[in-house]
Amino acid sequence: MEHSPDITLDRPGDGRLVFRSSFTLPLSTAVEVGEAIVEELEIRPRDAYNLVIKSSLACSPLDADNPSDPSPLVGEYVFALRGSTIDPTGELLYEKTETTTETVTHTNYMSVWGYPLDVPNARAFFPALLTTSVLGLAFYLYERQKARSSAREKRDAELDRIRRRYGGRIIRAGGLRDIPASSLKVEIADFKELAKMADERERPILQIDVLTDEGVQTTEFYVVDEDALYSYRLSTIPQ
């Protein structure tokens, strides 16, 4: 965006040339600057960005015998973007041109987990990350429901098999009371072994429906002896 203000030239007397200029952007030009910022950043300005305006000053060669163009004078000024305002913060001074290029490039980057990512790629990265997270969550919920259904079918099949084979020897009870604390408590891994112990001791098999600490409904079978309490629990359903 070209803007040519009035420039004055001073000769201090020590062989130096001093150029001075001051100007105010017209309202229409200021609006164009704002729109150019938005177009360059591809997003609306936010506090995370700084605006760097680069000003160049070139003049005709002073020596007619040496027509080569002198190096232009370059100045850069940084402005902070705060909401809808642009605040000047000072002039950027660099010893090398490469530093200026690096600083201007970083204004179009943002940090993602400690790594710089340019804004266009960040726009594609975050939707992709969100989509992946949603798909991962949906897959996890599907697998968990599948595991719950499989465990429920397995438990129901085992309970049905036990009732069909040992139904005449099973008594449904609401709970166990007055069990001495000194009684030996033994968990049996196979219901057939529990039924065998009930036959040897001539004891009934008690069936009790219980609610686990995780809030899962399950079924337990007990054989109560004088000195021991034998139990078998059906597999629980994972949450």
C-alpha atoms as a PDB file:
ATOM      1  CA  MET A   1       0.000   0.000   0.000  1.00  0.00           C
ATOM      2  CA  GLU A   2       1.758   3.148  -1.221  1.00  0.00           C
ATOM      3  CA  HIS A   3       1.727   6.369   0.771  1.00  0.00           C
ATOM      4  CA  SER A   4       4.051   9.292  -0.050  1.00  0.00           C
ATOM      5  CA  PRO A   5       4.287  11.909   2.737  1.00  0.00           C
ATOM      6  CA  ASP A   6       6.261  15.152   2.604  1.00  0.00           C
ATOM      7  CA  ILE A   7       9.946  14.604   3.363  1.00  0.00           C
ATOM      8  CA  THR A   8      12.433  17.265   4.513  1.00  0.00           C
ATOM      9  CA  LEU A   9      16.190  16.998   4.076  1.00  0.00           C
ATOM     10  CA  ASP A  10      18.679  18.480   6.569  1.00  0.00           C
ATOM     11  CA  ARG A  11      22.473  18.775   6.304  1.00  0.00           C
ATOM     12  CA  PRO A  12      23.892  18.992   9.854  1.00  0.00           C
ATOM     13  CA  GLY A  13      27.330  19.939   8.468  1.00  0.00           C
ATOM     14  CA  ASP A  14      29.234  16.770   9.385  1.00  0.00           C
ATOM     15  CA  GLY A  15      28.686  15.152   6.022  1.00  0.00           C
ATOM     16  CA  ARG A  16      25.443  13.464   7.040  1.00  0.00           C
ATOM     17  CA  LEU A  17      22.058  13.698   5.382  1.00  0.00           C
ATOM     18  CA  VAL A  18      19.052  13.572   7.733  1.00  0.00           C
ATOM     19  CA  PHE A  19      15.604  12.851   6.368  1.00  0.00           C
ATOM     20  CA  ARG A  20      12.552  13.778   8.444  1.00  0.00           C
ATOM     21  CA  SER A  21       8.909  13.092   7.792  1.00  0.00           C
ATOM     22  CA  SER A  22       5.634  12.907   9.725  1.00  0.00           C
ATOM     23  CA  PHE A  23       2.202  12.058   8.392  1.00  0.00           C
ATOM     24  CA  THR A  24      -1.249  10.913   9.414  1.00  0.00           C
ATOM     25  CA  LEU A  25      -3.090   8.280   7.438  1.00  0.00           C
ATOM     26  CA  PRO A  26      -6.437   9.422   6.049  1.00  0.00           C
ATOM     27  CA  LEU A  27      -9.444   7.525   7.376  1.00  0.00           C
ATOM     28  CA  SER A  28      -9.956   5.667   4.105  1.00  0.00           C
ATOM     29  CA  THR A  29      -6.293   4.594   4.064  1.00  0.00           C
ATOM     30  CA  ALA A  30      -6.470   3.441   7.686  1.00  0.00           C
ATOM     31  CA  VAL A  31      -9.489   1.287   6.803  1.00  0.00           C
ATOM     32  CA  GLU A  32      -7.513  -0.205   3.919  1.00  0.00           C
ATOM     33  CA  VAL A  33      -4.647  -0.996   6.307  1.00  0.00           C
ATOM     34  CA  GLY A  34      -7.052  -2.798   8.635  1.00  0.00           C
ATOM     35  CA  GLU A  35      -8.572  -4.836   5.816  1.00  0.00           C
ATOM     36  CA  ALA A  36      -5.094  -5.701   4.536  1.00  0.00           C
ATOM     37  CA  ILE A  37      -4.205  -7.007   7.995  1.00  0.00           C
ATOM     38  CA  VAL A  38      -7.273  -9.240   8.077  1.00  0.00           C
ATOM     39  CA  GLU A  39      -6.572 -10.518   4.568  1.00  0.00           C
ATOM     40  CA  GLU A  40      -2.928 -11.261   5.399  1.00  0.00           C
ATOM     41  CA  LEU A  41      -3.654 -13.068   8.674  1.00  0.00           C
ATOM     42  CA  GLU A  42      -6.751 -14.799   7.212  1.00  0.00           C
ATOM     43  CA  ILE A  43      -8.464 -14.272  10.584  1.00  0.00           C
ATOM     44  CA  ARG A  44      -9.676 -11.290  12.572  1.00  0.00           C
ATOM     45  CA  PRO A  45      -6.906  -9.625  14.627  1.00  0.00           C
ATOM     46  CA  ARG A  46      -6.515 -10.761  18.223  1.00  0.00           C
ATOM     47  CA  ASP A  47      -4.232  -9.959  21.144  1.00  0.00           C
ATOM     48  CA  ALA A  48      -1.872 -12.767  20.154  1.00  0.00           C
ATOM     49  CA  TYR A  49      -0.701 -10.876  17.041  1.00  0.00           C
ATOM     50  CA  ASN A  50       1.559  -7.897  16.413  1.00  0.00           C
ATOM     51  CA  LEU A  51       1.465  -5.779  13.282  1.00  0.00           C
ATOM     52  CA  VAL A  52       4.812  -4.837  11.755  1.00  0.00           C
ATOM     53  CA  ILE A  53       4.806  -1.968   9.238  1.00  0.00           C
ATOM     54  CA  LYS A  54       7.900  -1.656   7.113  1.00  0.00           C
ATOM     55  CA  SER A  55       8.785   1.765   5.714  1.00  0.00           C
ATOM     56  CA  SER A  56      11.312   2.183   2.905  1.00  0.00           C
ATOM     57  CA  LEU A  57      12.938   5.449   1.731  1.00  0.00           C
ATOM     58  CA  ALA A  58      14.856   5.574  -1.550  1.00  0.00           C
ATOM     59  CA  CYS A  59      16.423   8.663  -3.119  1.00  0.00           C
ATOM     60  CA  SER A  60      18.161   9.555  -6.361  1.00  0.00           C
ATOM     61  CA  PRO A  61      21.966   9.242  -6.455  1.00  0.00           C
ATOM     62  CA  LEU A  62      23.743  12.437  -5.351  1.00  0.00           C
ATOM     63  CA  ASP A  63      26.719  11.827  -7.626  1.00  0.00           C
ATOM     64  CA  ALA A  64      25.770  12.053 -11.296  1.00  0.00           C
ATOM     65  CA  ASP A  65      28.971  10.191 -12.244  1.00  0.00           C
ATOM     66  CA  ASN A  66      27.899   7.240 -10.105  1.00  0.00           C
ATOM     67  CA  PRO A  67      24.387   6.349 -11.283  1.00  0.00           C
ATOM     68  CA  SER A  68      24.146   3.194  -9.114  1.00  0.00           C
ATOM     69  CA  ASP A  69      21.134   3.251  -6.824  1.00  0.00           C
ATOM     70  CA  PRO A  70      21.970   3.802  -3.171  1.00  0.00           C
ATOM     71  CA  SER A  71      20.699   1.352  -0.600  1.00  0.00           C
ATOM     72  CA  PRO A  72      17.218   2.371   0.525  1.00  0.00           C
ATOM     73  CA  LEU A  73      16.646   3.351   4.145  1.00  0.00           C
ATOM     74  CA  VAL A  74      14.347   0.869   5.871  1.00  0.00           C
ATOM     75  CA  GLY A  75      12.513   1.213   9.157  1.00  0.00           C
ATOM     76  CA  GLU A  76      10.092  -1.177  10.834  1.00  0.00           C
ATOM     77  CA  TYR A  77       7.508  -0.263  13.443  1.00  0.00           C
ATOM     78  CA  VAL A  78       5.527  -2.689  15.562  1.00  0.00           C
ATOM     79  CA  PHE A  79       1.897  -2.189  16.585  1.00  0.00           C
ATOM     80  CA  ALA A  80      -0.052  -4.330  19.052  1.00  0.00           C
ATOM     81  CA  LEU A  81      -3.505  -5.524  17.985  1.00  0.00           C
ATOM     82  CA  ARG A  82      -5.855  -5.145  20.958  1.00  0.00           C
ATOM     83  CA  GLY A  83      -9.434  -5.936  20.063  1.00  0.00           C
ATOM     84  CA  SER A  84     -10.476  -3.368  17.493  1.00  0.00           C
ATOM     85  CA  THR A  85      -7.582  -0.959  18.174  1.00  0.00           C
ATOM     86  CA  ILE A  86      -3.995  -0.794  16.930  1.00  0.00           C
ATOM     87  CA  ASP A  87      -1.494   0.538  19.522  1.00  0.00           C
ATOM     88  CA  PRO A  88       2.026   1.615  18.509  1.00  0.00           C
ATOM     89  CA  THR A  89       4.710  -0.016  20.669  1.00  0.00           C
ATOM     90  CA  GLY A  90       7.937   1.204  19.095  1.00  0.00           C
ATOM     91  CA  GLU A  91      10.471   0.780  16.330  1.00  0.00           C
ATOM     92  CA  LEU A  92      12.095  -2.578  15.609  1.00  0.00           C
ATOM     93  CA  LEU A  93      15.871  -2.413  15.338  1.00  0.00           C
ATOM     94  CA  TYR A  94      17.794  -5.281  13.762  1.00  0.00           C
ATOM     95  CA  GLU A  95      21.462  -5.858  13.129  1.00  0.00           C
ATOM     96  CA  LYS A  96      20.795  -8.336  10.318  1.00  0.00           C
ATOM     97  CA  THR A  97      18.123  -8.529   7.665  1.00  0.00           C
ATOM     98  CA  GLU A  98      17.568 -12.246   8.429  1.00  0.00           C
ATOM     99  CA  THR A  99      16.313 -11.346  11.912  1.00  0.00           C
ATOM    100  CA  THR A 100      13.620  -9.102  10.423  1.00  0.00           C
ATOM    101  CA  THR A 101      12.414 -11.872   8.129  1.00  0.00           C
ATOM    102  CA  GLU A 102      12.272 -14.365  10.976  1.00  0.00           C
ATOM    103  CA  THR A 103      10.275 -12.038  13.219  1.00  0.00           C
ATOM    104  CA  VAL A 104       7.697 -11.196  10.555  1.00  0.00           C
ATOM    105  CA  THR A 105       7.277 -14.877   9.660  1.00  0.00           C
ATOM    106  CA  HIS A 106       6.554 -15.845  13.269  1.00  0.00           C
ATOM    107  CA  THR A 107       3.584 -13.504  13.433  1.00  0.00           C
ATOM    108  CA  ASN A 108       1.700 -16.004  11.245  1.00  0.00           C
ATOM    109  CA  TYR A 109       2.510 -18.931  13.516  1.00  0.00           C
ATOM    110  CA  MET A 110       0.908 -20.245  16.669  1.00  0.00           C
ATOM    111  CA  SER A 111       2.248 -22.649  19.274  1.00  0.00           C
ATOM    112  CA  VAL A 112       0.667 -26.122  19.417  1.00  0.00           C
ATOM    113  CA  TRP A 113       2.033 -28.260  22.280  1.00  0.00           C
ATOM    114  CA  GLY A 114       5.253 -26.278  22.164  1.00  0.00           C
ATOM    115  CA  TYR A 115       5.745 -26.520  18.385  1.00  0.00           C
ATOM    116  CA  PRO A 116       5.191 -23.640  15.919  1.00  0.00           C
ATOM    117  CA  LEU A 117       2.374 -24.244  13.440  1.00  0.00           C
ATOM    118  CA  ASP A 118       1.379 -21.797  10.716  1.00  0.00           C
ATOM    119  CA  VAL A 119      -2.171 -20.499  10.831  1.00  0.00           C
ATOM    120  CA  PRO A 120      -3.486 -22.193   7.631  1.00  0.00           C
ATOM    121  CA  ASN A 121      -2.252 -25.603   8.814  1.00  0.00           C
ATOM    122  CA  ALA A 122      -3.622 -24.937  12.305  1.00  0.00           C
ATOM    123  CA  ARG A 123      -7.046 -24.314  10.750  1.00  0.00           C
ATOM    124  CA  ALA A 124      -6.921 -27.807   9.240  1.00  0.00           C
ATOM    125  CA  PHE A 125      -5.257 -29.426  12.257  1.00  0.00           C
ATOM    126  CA  PHE A 126      -7.826 -28.591  14.939  1.00  0.00           C
ATOM    127  CA  PRO A 127     -10.899 -29.823  12.999  1.00  0.00           C
ATOM    128  CA  ALA A 128      -9.001 -33.015  12.166  1.00  0.00           C
ATOM    129  CA  LEU A 129      -8.065 -33.437  15.825  1.00  0.00           C
ATOM    130  CA  LEU A 130     -11.683 -32.880  16.873  1.00  0.00           C
ATOM    131  CA  THR A 131     -12.940 -35.398  14.292  1.00  0.00           C
ATOM    132  CA  THR A 132     -10.387 -37.983  15.435  1.00  0.00           C
ATOM    133  CA  SER A 133     -11.353 -37.467  19.084  1.00  0.00           C
ATOM    134  CA  VAL A 134     -15.059 -37.865  18.331  1.00  0.00           C
ATOM    135  CA  LEU A 135     -14.433 -41.030  16.301  1.00  0.00           C
ATOM    136  CA  GLY A 136     -12.190 -42.408  19.059  1.00  0.00           C
ATOM    137  CA  LEU A 137     -14.844 -41.725  21.693  1.00  0.00           C
ATOM    138  CA  ALA A 138     -17.547 -43.350  19.552  1.00  0.00           C
ATOM    139  CA  PHE A 139     -15.363 -46.430  19.010  1.00  0.00           C
ATOM    140  CA  TYR A 140     -14.634 -46.659  22.746  1.00  0.00           C
ATOM    141  CA  LEU A 141     -18.340 -46.460  23.632  1.00  0.00           C
ATOM    142  CA  TYR A 142     -19.172 -49.075  20.996  1.00  0.00           C
ATOM    143  CA  GLU A 143     -16.495 -51.474  22.285  1.00  0.00           C
ATOM    144  CA  ARG A 144     -17.586 -50.960  25.889  1.00  0.00           C
ATOM    145  CA  GLN A 145     -21.230 -51.671  25.038  1.00  0.00           C
ATOM    146  CA  LYS A 146     -20.132 -54.707  23.053  1.00  0.00           C
ATOM    147  CA  ALA A 147     -18.132 -55.993  26.043  1.00  0.00           C
ATOM    148  CA  ARG A 148     -21.072 -55.408  28.381  1.00  0.00           C
ATOM    149  CA  SER A 149     -23.443 -57.289  26.059  1.00  0.00           C
ATOM    150  CA  SER A 150     -21.007 -60.187  25.716  1.00  0.00           C
ATOM    151  CA  ALA A 151     -20.487 -60.415  29.493  1.00  0.00           C
ATOM    152  CA  ARG A 152     -24.243 -60.251  30.135  1.00  0.00           C
ATOM    153  CA  GLU A 153     -24.935 -63.037  27.626  1.00  0.00           C
ATOM    154  CA  LYS A 154     -22.200 -65.178  29.158  1.00  0.00           C
ATOM    155  CA  ARG A 155     -23.509 -64.650  32.690  1.00  0.00           C
ATOM    156  CA  ASP A 156     -27.128 -65.309  31.711  1.00  0.00           C
ATOM    157  CA  ALA A 157     -26.135 -68.498  29.880  1.00  0.00           C
ATOM    158  CA  GLU A 158     -24.202 -69.782  32.897  1.00  0.00           C
ATOM    159  CA  LEU A 159     -27.034 -68.917  35.301  1.00  0.00           C
ATOM    160  CA  ASP A 160     -29.556 -70.688  33.070  1.00  0.00           C
ATOM    161  CA  ARG A 161     -27.331 -73.786  32.901  1.00  0.00           C
ATOM    162  CA  ILE A 162     -26.952 -73.882  36.703  1.00  0.00           C
ATOM    163  CA  ARG A 163     -30.670 -73.520  37.300  1.00  0.00           C
ATOM    164  CA  ARG A 164     -31.577 -76.257  34.809  1.00  0.00           C
ATOM    165  CA  ARG A 165     -29.100 -78.730  36.295  1.00  0.00           C
ATOM    166  CA  TYR A 166     -29.152 -77.876  39.978  1.00  0.00           C
ATOM    167  CA  GLY A 167     -32.460 -76.037  40.330  1.00  0.00           C
ATOM    168  CA  GLY A 168     -33.930 -78.560  42.794  1.00  0.00           C
ATOM    169  CA  ARG A 169     -31.020 -78.075  45.212  1.00  0.00           C
ATOM    170  CA  ILE A 170     -30.902 -74.261  45.115  1.00  0.00           C
ATOM    171  CA  ILE A 171     -32.708 -72.039  47.614  1.00  0.00           C
ATOM    172  CA  ARG A 172     -33.054 -68.328  46.881  1.00  0.00           C
ATOM    173  CA  ALA A 173     -32.195 -66.212  49.925  1.00  0.00           C
ATOM    174  CA  GLY A 174     -32.278 -62.516  50.665  1.00  0.00           C
ATOM    175  CA  GLY A 175     -28.915 -62.473  52.424  1.00  0.00           C
ATOM    176  CA  LEU A 176     -26.670 -64.079  55.053  1.00  0.00           C
ATOM    177  CA  ARG A 177     -26.870 -63.187  58.744  1.00  0.00           C
ATOM    178  CA  ASP A 178     -25.170 -64.230  61.964  1.00  0.00           C
ATOM    179  CA  ILE A 179     -22.084 -65.556  60.195  1.00  0.00           C
ATOM    180  CA  PRO A 180     -19.330 -65.859  62.840  1.00  0.00           C
ATOM    181  CA  ALA A 181     -16.345 -63.632  62.156  1.00  0.00           C
ATOM    182  CA  SER A 182     -14.077 -66.602  62.826  1.00  0.00           C
ATOM    183  CA  SER A 183     -15.620 -68.631  60.016  1.00  0.00           C
ATOM    184  CA  LEU A 184     -13.314 -69.543  57.167  1.00  0.00           C
ATOM    185  CA  LYS A 185     -14.439 -67.881  53.920  1.00  0.00           C
ATOM    186  CA  VAL A 186     -13.493 -69.789  50.774  1.00  0.00           C
ATOM    187  CA  GLU A 187     -14.194 -68.694  47.182  1.00  0.00           C
ATOM    188  CA  ILE A 188     -14.730 -71.574  44.771  1.00  0.00           C
ATOM    189  CA  ALA A 189     -13.730 -71.125  41.125  1.00  0.00           C
ATOM    190  CA  ASP A 190     -16.140 -73.748  39.701  1.00  0.00           C
ATOM    191  CA  PHE A 191     -19.809 -74.220  40.558  1.00  0.00           C
ATOM    192  CA  LYS A 192     -19.451 -77.991  40.187  1.00  0.00           C
ATOM    193  CA  GLU A 193     -17.013 -78.006  43.091  1.00  0.00           C
ATOM    194  CA  LEU A 194     -19.454 -75.976  45.179  1.00  0.00           C
ATOM    195  CA  ALA A 195     -22.236 -78.464  44.390  1.00  0.00           C
ATOM    196  CA  LYS A 196     -19.919 -81.343  45.330  1.00  0.00           C
ATOM    197  CA  MET A 197     -19.189 -79.731  48.725  1.00  0.00           C
ATOM    198  CA  ALA A 198     -22.926 -79.258  49.291  1.00  0.00           C
ATOM    199  CA  ASP A 199     -23.460 -83.006  48.628  1.00  0.00           C
ATOM    200  CA  GLU A 200     -20.640 -84.072  50.963  1.00  0.00           C
ATOM    201  CA  ARG A 201     -21.917 -81.871  53.792  1.00  0.00           C
ATOM    202  CA  GLU A 202     -25.587 -82.427  53.020  1.00  0.00           C
ATOM    203  CA  ARG A 203     -26.175 -78.680  52.830  1.00  0.00           C
ATOM    204  CA  PRO A 204     -28.402 -76.650  50.500  1.00  0.00           C
ATOM    205  CA  ILE A 205     -27.015 -74.195  47.963  1.00  0.00           C
ATOM    206  CA  LEU A 206     -28.101 -70.644  48.698  1.00  0.00           C
ATOM    207  CA  GLN A 207     -28.581 -68.200  45.810  1.00  0.00           C
ATOM    208  CA  ILE A 208     -28.320 -64.503  46.646  1.00  0.00           C
ATOM    209  CA  ASP A 209     -28.632 -61.600  44.182  1.00  0.00           C
ATOM    210  CA  VAL A 210     -26.250 -58.838  45.296  1.00  0.00           C
ATOM    211  CA  LEU A 211     -25.254 -55.357  44.174  1.00  0.00           C
ATOM    212  CA  THR A 212     -21.497 -54.852  43.935  1.00  0.00           C
ATOM    213  CA  ASP A 213     -19.644 -51.721  45.060  1.00  0.00           C
ATOM    214  CA  GLU A 214     -19.554 -50.615  41.414  1.00  0.00           C
ATOM    215  CA  GLY A 215     -23.364 -50.745  41.241  1.00  0.00           C
ATOM    216  CA  VAL A 216     -23.461 -53.935  39.123  1.00  0.00           C
ATOM    217  CA  GLN A 217     -26.090 -56.609  39.760  1.00  0.00           C
ATOM    218  CA  THR A 218     -24.645 -60.128  40.092  1.00  0.00           C
ATOM    219  CA  THR A 219     -25.517 -63.527  41.561  1.00  0.00           C
ATOM    220  CA  GLU A 220     -23.640 -65.455  44.268  1.00  0.00           C
ATOM    221  CA  PHE A 221     -24.069 -69.016  45.540  1.00  0.00           C
ATOM    222  CA  TYR A 222     -23.170 -70.139  49.072  1.00  0.00           C
ATOM    223  CA  VAL A 223     -22.765 -73.338  51.049  1.00  0.00           C
ATOM    224  CA  VAL A 224     -22.688 -72.717  54.796  1.00  0.00           C
ATOM    225  CA  ASP A 225     -20.819 -75.174  57.015  1.00  0.00           C
ATOM    226  CA  GLU A 226     -20.161 -75.099  60.767  1.00  0.00           C
ATOM    227  CA  ASP A 227     -16.639 -73.787  60.353  1.00  0.00           C
ATOM    228  CA  ALA A 228     -16.537 -72.364  56.804  1.00  0.00           C
ATOM    229  CA  LEU A 229     -18.458 -70.382  54.226  1.00  0.00           C
ATOM    230  CA  TYR A 230     -18.012 -71.510  50.613  1.00  0.00           C
ATOM    231  CA  SER A 231     -19.059 -69.175  47.804  1.00  0.00           C
ATOM    232  CA  TYR A 232     -19.177 -68.974  44.020  1.00  0.00           C
ATOM    233  CA  ARG A 233     -19.868 -65.757  42.110  1.00  0.00           C
ATOM    234  CA  LEU A 234     -21.007 -65.419  38.547  1.00  0.00           C
ATOM    235  CA  SER A 235     -18.909 -63.177  36.312  1.00  0.00           C
ATOM    236  CA  THR A 236     -19.858 -59.510  36.657  1.00  0.00           C
ATOM    237  CA  ILE A 237     -20.726 -57.141  33.829  1.00  0.00           C
ATOM    238  CA  PRO A 238     -18.107 -54.438  33.243  1.00  0.00           C
ATOM    239  CA  GLN A 239     -19.279 -50.827  33.445  1.00  0.00           C
END
